[in-house]
Amino acid sequence: MRAKPRHIGRLMREQKTLAHLTAQAQYQERLLARLRAELPEPLASHCIGAALKGSTLSLLVDSPVWNARLRFQSPQLLSQLRSDFPGLANIQVTVARPAVTRPKPSRHRPRMRSTQAASIVEQASSGISDPALSEALQRLAKVLEVD
């Protein structure tokens, strides 16, 4: 008999590893909210992640422009956050990598048109004895012509 599926919230509380990851994610969200409260807009909305490891606060921003602005603001931010995090020594700012979306490879190569190619195909069609093939080559020559 199959076991009854368990609720995801219950699993996350009962499994030690998942409970630890959940607690860590919640801590990082609270840290990010605290950090955003100290930052002026629009800088606060462009700070998308925060993690405290040892004496270093790692911040994640969504573009290089906001990276530069946050680095400029970091000494002031560091002094503001030391009241809540007395061991805080430095702030590291990095830019989040954008989700890479690669274009799907085309099944067809782009059409290469040239007057020279059209002329060669048309000349070849005149030397063909089969009328259907000759006609097909003439149509191809018209397609190859540059507009």
N, C-alpha and C. Protein backbone atom coordinates (compact mmCIF):
# COMPACT_ATOMS: atom_id res chain seq x y z
N MET A 1 0.84 -1.18 0.00
CA MET A 1 0.00 0.00 0.00
C MET A 1 0.89 1.25 0.00
N ARG A 2 0.54 2.23 -0.79
CA ARG A 2 1.33 3.45 -0.89
C ARG A 2 1.18 4.31 0.36
N ALA A 3 2.29 4.98 0.68
CA ALA A 3 2.25 5.91 1.80
C ALA A 3 1.53 7.18 1.35
N LYS A 4 0.80 7.75 2.27
CA LYS A 4 0.06 8.97 1.98
C LYS A 4 1.05 10.14 1.86
N PRO A 5 0.92 10.98 0.83
CA PRO A 5 1.83 12.11 0.69
C PRO A 5 1.75 13.04 1.90
N ARG A 6 2.91 13.56 2.28
CA ARG A 6 2.95 14.45 3.43
C ARG A 6 2.98 15.91 2.97
N HIS A 7 2.44 16.75 3.77
CA HIS A 7 2.39 18.18 3.46
C HIS A 7 3.81 18.75 3.45
N ILE A 8 4.09 19.61 2.47
CA ILE A 8 5.44 20.15 2.31
C ILE A 8 5.88 20.96 3.53
N GLY A 9 4.97 21.69 4.14
CA GLY A 9 5.31 22.47 5.33
C GLY A 9 5.74 21.57 6.48
N ARG A 10 5.06 20.44 6.60
CA ARG A 10 5.40 19.49 7.66
C ARG A 10 6.77 18.87 7.40
N LEU A 11 7.02 18.52 6.14
CA LEU A 11 8.33 17.97 5.79
C LEU A 11 9.45 18.97 6.11
N MET A 12 9.21 20.22 5.79
CA MET A 12 10.23 21.23 6.00
C MET A 12 10.50 21.48 7.49
N ARG A 13 9.52 21.23 8.31
CA ARG A 13 9.73 21.38 9.76
C ARG A 13 10.38 20.15 10.36
N GLU A 14 10.02 18.97 9.86
CA GLU A 14 10.47 17.73 10.48
C GLU A 14 11.85 17.27 10.02
N GLN A 15 12.17 17.46 8.76
CA GLN A 15 13.47 17.05 8.24
C GLN A 15 14.52 18.07 8.68
N LYS A 16 15.56 17.61 9.36
CA LYS A 16 16.55 18.53 9.92
C LYS A 16 17.21 19.39 8.86
N THR A 17 17.60 18.79 7.75
CA THR A 17 18.28 19.54 6.70
C THR A 17 17.35 20.59 6.12
N LEU A 18 16.11 20.19 5.82
CA LEU A 18 15.15 21.13 5.27
C LEU A 18 14.78 22.21 6.28
N ALA A 19 14.67 21.83 7.54
CA ALA A 19 14.35 22.81 8.58
C ALA A 19 15.48 23.83 8.70
N HIS A 20 16.72 23.37 8.61
CA HIS A 20 17.87 24.28 8.67
C HIS A 20 17.88 25.22 7.47
N LEU A 21 17.63 24.69 6.28
CA LEU A 21 17.59 25.53 5.08
C LEU A 21 16.45 26.55 5.14
N THR A 22 15.31 26.13 5.66
CA THR A 22 14.18 27.04 5.79
C THR A 22 14.50 28.16 6.77
N ALA A 23 15.09 27.80 7.89
CA ALA A 23 15.46 28.81 8.89
C ALA A 23 16.50 29.77 8.32
N GLN A 24 17.45 29.26 7.58
CA GLN A 24 18.48 30.09 6.98
C GLN A 24 17.88 31.05 5.95
N ALA A 25 16.96 30.56 5.12
CA ALA A 25 16.30 31.41 4.13
C ALA A 25 15.47 32.50 4.81
N GLN A 26 14.78 32.15 5.88
CA GLN A 26 13.99 33.14 6.61
C GLN A 26 14.89 34.19 7.24
N TYR A 27 16.03 33.77 7.78
CA TYR A 27 16.99 34.70 8.36
C TYR A 27 17.51 35.67 7.29
N GLN A 28 17.83 35.14 6.12
CA GLN A 28 18.32 35.98 5.05
C GLN A 28 17.25 36.97 4.57
N GLU A 29 16.00 36.55 4.58
CA GLU A 29 14.91 37.46 4.21
C GLU A 29 14.77 38.57 5.24
N ARG A 30 14.87 38.23 6.53
CA ARG A 30 14.80 39.26 7.57
C ARG A 30 15.99 40.21 7.48
N LEU A 31 17.16 39.65 7.20
CA LEU A 31 18.36 40.46 7.03
C LEU A 31 18.20 41.42 5.85
N LEU A 32 17.68 40.94 4.76
CA LEU A 32 17.46 41.77 3.58
C LEU A 32 16.44 42.87 3.88
N ALA A 33 15.39 42.55 4.61
CA ALA A 33 14.38 43.55 4.97
C ALA A 33 15.01 44.63 5.87
N ARG A 34 15.84 44.21 6.82
CA ARG A 34 16.52 45.16 7.72
C ARG A 34 17.46 46.05 6.91
N LEU A 35 18.17 45.46 5.99
CA LEU A 35 19.09 46.20 5.15
C LEU A 35 18.36 47.21 4.27
N ARG A 36 17.27 46.77 3.66
CA ARG A 36 16.49 47.67 2.80
C ARG A 36 15.92 48.85 3.59
N ALA A 37 15.62 48.63 4.86
CA ALA A 37 15.10 49.72 5.69
C ALA A 37 16.14 50.82 5.87
N GLU A 38 17.42 50.46 5.81
CA GLU A 38 18.50 51.43 5.98
C GLU A 38 18.89 52.12 4.68
N LEU A 39 18.52 51.54 3.54
CA LEU A 39 18.93 52.08 2.25
C LEU A 39 17.88 53.04 1.69
N PRO A 40 18.33 54.08 0.99
CA PRO A 40 17.37 54.97 0.34
C PRO A 40 16.80 54.31 -0.92
N GLU A 41 15.61 54.75 -1.29
CA GLU A 41 15.05 54.30 -2.57
C GLU A 41 15.72 55.09 -3.67
N PRO A 42 15.93 54.58 -4.81
CA PRO A 42 15.57 53.27 -5.34
C PRO A 42 16.61 52.20 -5.07
N LEU A 43 17.67 52.54 -4.35
CA LEU A 43 18.74 51.56 -4.08
C LEU A 43 18.20 50.34 -3.33
N ALA A 44 17.30 50.56 -2.41
CA ALA A 44 16.75 49.46 -1.61
C ALA A 44 16.06 48.41 -2.48
N SER A 45 15.33 48.85 -3.47
CA SER A 45 14.59 47.89 -4.30
C SER A 45 15.50 47.12 -5.25
N HIS A 46 16.71 47.60 -5.48
CA HIS A 46 17.64 46.90 -6.37
C HIS A 46 18.58 45.97 -5.62
N CYS A 47 18.50 45.99 -4.30
CA CYS A 47 19.26 45.03 -3.49
C CYS A 47 18.38 43.80 -3.35
N ILE A 48 18.81 42.68 -3.94
CA ILE A 48 17.92 41.51 -4.05
C ILE A 48 18.32 40.33 -3.18
N GLY A 49 19.45 40.45 -2.47
CA GLY A 49 19.86 39.35 -1.62
C GLY A 49 20.88 39.80 -0.60
N ALA A 50 20.87 39.11 0.55
CA ALA A 50 21.83 39.43 1.60
C ALA A 50 22.15 38.17 2.38
N ALA A 51 23.42 38.02 2.75
CA ALA A 51 23.85 36.89 3.57
C ALA A 51 24.99 37.35 4.46
N LEU A 52 24.94 36.95 5.71
CA LEU A 52 25.98 37.30 6.67
C LEU A 52 26.78 36.05 6.97
N LYS A 53 28.07 36.11 6.68
CA LYS A 53 28.95 34.98 6.94
C LYS A 53 30.17 35.51 7.68
N GLY A 54 30.28 35.13 8.93
CA GLY A 54 31.37 35.64 9.74
C GLY A 54 31.21 37.13 9.93
N SER A 55 32.24 37.88 9.59
CA SER A 55 32.19 39.34 9.75
C SER A 55 31.90 40.06 8.43
N THR A 56 31.52 39.29 7.40
CA THR A 56 31.26 39.88 6.08
C THR A 56 29.79 39.77 5.71
N LEU A 57 29.24 40.90 5.32
CA LEU A 57 27.88 40.95 4.81
C LEU A 57 27.97 40.95 3.30
N SER A 58 27.42 39.94 2.66
CA SER A 58 27.42 39.84 1.19
C SER A 58 26.07 40.31 0.68
N LEU A 59 26.13 41.27 -0.21
CA LEU A 59 24.91 41.82 -0.80
C LEU A 59 24.87 41.52 -2.27
N LEU A 60 23.68 41.29 -2.77
CA LEU A 60 23.47 40.97 -4.17
C LEU A 60 22.57 42.04 -4.77
N VAL A 61 23.02 42.64 -5.87
CA VAL A 61 22.23 43.65 -6.56
C VAL A 61 21.94 43.17 -7.97
N ASP A 62 20.97 43.84 -8.62
CA ASP A 62 20.51 43.34 -9.92
C ASP A 62 21.22 43.92 -11.14
N SER A 63 22.11 44.90 -10.96
CA SER A 63 22.84 45.42 -12.11
C SER A 63 24.13 46.11 -11.66
N PRO A 64 25.09 46.26 -12.56
CA PRO A 64 26.35 46.91 -12.21
C PRO A 64 26.20 48.35 -11.74
N VAL A 65 25.19 49.06 -12.23
CA VAL A 65 24.98 50.44 -11.80
C VAL A 65 24.69 50.49 -10.31
N TRP A 66 23.82 49.60 -9.85
CA TRP A 66 23.46 49.58 -8.44
C TRP A 66 24.59 49.01 -7.60
N ASN A 67 25.43 48.19 -8.19
CA ASN A 67 26.63 47.70 -7.51
C ASN A 67 27.52 48.88 -7.13
N ALA A 68 27.77 49.76 -8.09
CA ALA A 68 28.62 50.92 -7.84
C ALA A 68 28.00 51.84 -6.79
N ARG A 69 26.71 52.06 -6.90
CA ARG A 69 26.06 52.95 -5.93
C ARG A 69 26.06 52.37 -4.52
N LEU A 70 25.85 51.06 -4.43
CA LEU A 70 25.84 50.43 -3.11
C LEU A 70 27.24 50.40 -2.50
N ARG A 71 28.25 50.20 -3.30
CA ARG A 71 29.63 50.25 -2.80
C ARG A 71 29.94 51.64 -2.26
N PHE A 72 29.46 52.66 -2.93
CA PHE A 72 29.66 54.02 -2.48
C PHE A 72 28.96 54.25 -1.14
N GLN A 73 27.80 53.62 -0.97
CA GLN A 73 26.98 53.77 0.23
C GLN A 73 27.44 52.84 1.36
N SER A 74 28.26 51.85 1.08
CA SER A 74 28.58 50.80 2.06
C SER A 74 29.25 51.28 3.35
N PRO A 75 30.15 52.26 3.36
CA PRO A 75 30.70 52.69 4.65
C PRO A 75 29.62 53.23 5.60
N GLN A 76 28.70 54.01 5.07
CA GLN A 76 27.61 54.54 5.89
C GLN A 76 26.70 53.41 6.35
N LEU A 77 26.41 52.48 5.44
CA LEU A 77 25.56 51.34 5.77
C LEU A 77 26.21 50.46 6.83
N LEU A 78 27.51 50.29 6.73
CA LEU A 78 28.25 49.48 7.70
C LEU A 78 28.11 50.07 9.10
N SER A 79 28.25 51.37 9.23
CA SER A 79 28.12 51.99 10.56
C SER A 79 26.68 51.89 11.08
N GLN A 80 25.68 51.97 10.18
CA GLN A 80 24.29 51.85 10.60
C GLN A 80 23.95 50.43 11.07
N LEU A 81 24.54 49.43 10.43
CA LEU A 81 24.21 48.04 10.75
C LEU A 81 24.99 47.48 11.93
N ARG A 82 26.07 48.13 12.33
CA ARG A 82 26.90 47.62 13.44
C ARG A 82 26.15 47.58 14.76
N SER A 83 25.11 48.39 14.92
CA SER A 83 24.34 48.33 16.17
C SER A 83 23.63 46.99 16.30
N ASP A 84 23.14 46.45 15.18
CA ASP A 84 22.47 45.15 15.20
C ASP A 84 23.45 43.99 15.02
N PHE A 85 24.55 44.25 14.34
CA PHE A 85 25.54 43.21 14.04
C PHE A 85 26.93 43.72 14.46
N PRO A 86 27.26 43.60 15.74
CA PRO A 86 28.50 44.20 16.25
C PRO A 86 29.78 43.61 15.63
N GLY A 87 29.75 42.39 15.17
CA GLY A 87 30.94 41.77 14.59
C GLY A 87 31.14 42.09 13.12
N LEU A 88 30.26 42.87 12.55
CA LEU A 88 30.31 43.18 11.12
C LEU A 88 31.53 44.04 10.80
N ALA A 89 32.38 43.54 9.89
CA ALA A 89 33.62 44.25 9.56
C ALA A 89 33.61 44.83 8.16
N ASN A 90 32.99 44.13 7.21
CA ASN A 90 32.99 44.67 5.85
C ASN A 90 31.75 44.20 5.08
N ILE A 91 31.54 44.90 3.96
CA ILE A 91 30.41 44.61 3.08
C ILE A 91 30.96 44.28 1.70
N GLN A 92 30.50 43.18 1.16
CA GLN A 92 30.90 42.74 -0.18
C GLN A 92 29.66 42.81 -1.07
N VAL A 93 29.78 43.52 -2.19
CA VAL A 93 28.64 43.69 -3.10
C VAL A 93 28.95 42.98 -4.40
N THR A 94 28.02 42.17 -4.87
CA THR A 94 28.18 41.49 -6.15
C THR A 94 26.90 41.66 -6.98
N VAL A 95 27.06 41.51 -8.28
CA VAL A 95 25.94 41.62 -9.20
C VAL A 95 25.41 40.23 -9.50
N ALA A 96 24.10 40.08 -9.42
CA ALA A 96 23.48 38.79 -9.73
C ALA A 96 23.62 38.51 -11.21
N ARG A 97 23.93 37.30 -11.53
CA ARG A 97 24.02 36.91 -12.94
C ARG A 97 22.62 36.80 -13.50
N PRO A 98 22.40 37.38 -14.65
CA PRO A 98 21.07 37.26 -15.24
C PRO A 98 20.82 35.84 -15.70
N ALA A 99 19.58 35.48 -15.72
CA ALA A 99 19.23 34.17 -16.24
C ALA A 99 19.57 34.15 -17.72
N VAL A 100 20.36 33.21 -18.10
CA VAL A 100 20.81 33.15 -19.49
C VAL A 100 19.75 32.44 -20.31
N THR A 101 19.27 33.15 -21.29
CA THR A 101 18.33 32.54 -22.22
C THR A 101 18.98 32.55 -23.59
N ARG A 102 19.36 31.40 -24.01
CA ARG A 102 20.01 31.28 -25.31
C ARG A 102 18.95 31.08 -26.38
N PRO A 103 19.11 31.77 -27.49
CA PRO A 103 18.14 31.57 -28.56
C PRO A 103 18.22 30.15 -29.10
N LYS A 104 17.07 29.64 -29.45
CA LYS A 104 17.05 28.29 -30.01
C LYS A 104 17.75 28.30 -31.35
N PRO A 105 18.56 27.29 -31.60
CA PRO A 105 19.24 27.26 -32.89
C PRO A 105 18.22 27.10 -34.02
N SER A 106 18.43 27.84 -35.06
CA SER A 106 17.51 27.81 -36.19
C SER A 106 17.72 26.51 -36.98
N ARG A 107 16.64 25.96 -37.42
CA ARG A 107 16.75 24.74 -38.23
C ARG A 107 17.22 25.07 -39.64
N HIS A 108 16.96 26.28 -40.04
CA HIS A 108 17.28 26.69 -41.40
C HIS A 108 18.35 27.78 -41.36
N ARG A 109 19.28 27.65 -42.26
CA ARG A 109 20.28 28.70 -42.39
C ARG A 109 19.64 29.90 -43.07
N PRO A 110 20.12 31.08 -42.76
CA PRO A 110 19.56 32.24 -43.44
C PRO A 110 19.85 32.19 -44.94
N ARG A 111 18.94 32.70 -45.71
CA ARG A 111 19.11 32.67 -47.16
C ARG A 111 20.22 33.62 -47.58
N MET A 112 21.12 33.09 -48.37
CA MET A 112 22.20 33.89 -48.92
C MET A 112 21.84 34.21 -50.36
N ARG A 113 21.59 35.45 -50.64
CA ARG A 113 21.19 35.85 -51.98
C ARG A 113 22.33 36.63 -52.62
N SER A 114 22.53 36.36 -53.89
CA SER A 114 23.51 37.14 -54.63
C SER A 114 23.18 37.06 -56.12
N THR A 115 23.50 38.12 -56.79
CA THR A 115 23.27 38.18 -58.23
C THR A 115 24.15 37.17 -58.95
N GLN A 116 25.34 36.99 -58.44
CA GLN A 116 26.28 36.04 -59.06
C GLN A 116 25.75 34.61 -58.96
N ALA A 117 25.25 34.23 -57.78
CA ALA A 117 24.71 32.89 -57.61
C ALA A 117 23.49 32.68 -58.51
N ALA A 118 22.64 33.69 -58.59
CA ALA A 118 21.45 33.60 -59.46
C ALA A 118 21.86 33.41 -60.91
N SER A 119 22.90 34.12 -61.33
CA SER A 119 23.37 34.01 -62.71
C SER A 119 23.92 32.62 -63.00
N ILE A 120 24.68 32.08 -62.08
CA ILE A 120 25.26 30.73 -62.27
C ILE A 120 24.17 29.68 -62.38
N VAL A 121 23.16 29.76 -61.50
CA VAL A 121 22.06 28.79 -61.52
C VAL A 121 21.25 28.93 -62.80
N GLU A 122 21.03 30.16 -63.26
CA GLU A 122 20.26 30.38 -64.49
C GLU A 122 21.02 29.83 -65.70
N GLN A 123 22.33 30.01 -65.73
CA GLN A 123 23.15 29.47 -66.83
C GLN A 123 23.11 27.95 -66.81
N ALA A 124 23.14 27.38 -65.62
CA ALA A 124 23.09 25.92 -65.52
C ALA A 124 21.75 25.40 -66.02
N SER A 125 20.67 26.14 -65.76
CA SER A 125 19.35 25.69 -66.17
C SER A 125 19.22 25.65 -67.70
N SER A 126 19.95 26.52 -68.39
CA SER A 126 19.83 26.55 -69.86
C SER A 126 20.52 25.34 -70.50
N GLY A 127 21.44 24.69 -69.80
CA GLY A 127 22.12 23.52 -70.35
C GLY A 127 21.47 22.21 -69.96
N ILE A 128 20.34 22.26 -69.25
CA ILE A 128 19.68 21.03 -68.79
C ILE A 128 18.61 20.65 -69.82
N SER A 129 18.61 19.33 -70.21
CA SER A 129 17.65 18.88 -71.22
C SER A 129 16.28 18.57 -70.60
N ASP A 130 16.25 18.22 -69.33
CA ASP A 130 14.97 17.91 -68.67
C ASP A 130 14.23 19.22 -68.39
N PRO A 131 13.04 19.41 -69.00
CA PRO A 131 12.32 20.68 -68.84
C PRO A 131 11.88 20.97 -67.41
N ALA A 132 11.50 19.94 -66.65
CA ALA A 132 11.05 20.15 -65.26
C ALA A 132 12.22 20.63 -64.39
N LEU A 133 13.40 20.01 -64.58
CA LEU A 133 14.57 20.41 -63.81
C LEU A 133 15.03 21.80 -64.23
N SER A 134 14.99 22.08 -65.51
CA SER A 134 15.38 23.40 -66.01
C SER A 134 14.47 24.49 -65.44
N GLU A 135 13.18 24.20 -65.41
CA GLU A 135 12.22 25.16 -64.85
C GLU A 135 12.45 25.36 -63.36
N ALA A 136 12.74 24.29 -62.64
CA ALA A 136 13.01 24.38 -61.20
C ALA A 136 14.25 25.24 -60.95
N LEU A 137 15.29 25.07 -61.75
CA LEU A 137 16.51 25.86 -61.59
C LEU A 137 16.26 27.33 -61.92
N GLN A 138 15.40 27.60 -62.87
CA GLN A 138 15.06 28.99 -63.20
C GLN A 138 14.31 29.65 -62.04
N ARG A 139 13.40 28.89 -61.42
CA ARG A 139 12.69 29.42 -60.24
C ARG A 139 13.68 29.70 -59.11
N LEU A 140 14.64 28.80 -58.90
CA LEU A 140 15.67 28.99 -57.88
C LEU A 140 16.51 30.23 -58.18
N ALA A 141 16.84 30.44 -59.43
CA ALA A 141 17.61 31.62 -59.82
C ALA A 141 16.86 32.89 -59.48
N LYS A 142 15.55 32.89 -59.67
CA LYS A 142 14.75 34.08 -59.33
C LYS A 142 14.73 34.33 -57.83
N VAL A 143 14.71 33.25 -57.07
CA VAL A 143 14.72 33.39 -55.60
C VAL A 143 16.07 33.93 -55.11
N LEU A 144 17.13 33.53 -55.79
CA LEU A 144 18.48 33.94 -55.38
C LEU A 144 18.81 35.38 -55.75
N GLU A 145 18.06 35.95 -56.69
CA GLU A 145 18.32 37.32 -57.11
C GLU A 145 18.16 38.28 -55.95
N VAL A 146 19.04 39.25 -55.87
CA VAL A 146 18.96 40.28 -54.82
C VAL A 146 17.92 41.29 -55.24
N ASP A 147 17.01 41.60 -54.34
CA ASP A 147 15.94 42.56 -54.65
C ASP A 147 16.46 43.98 -54.75
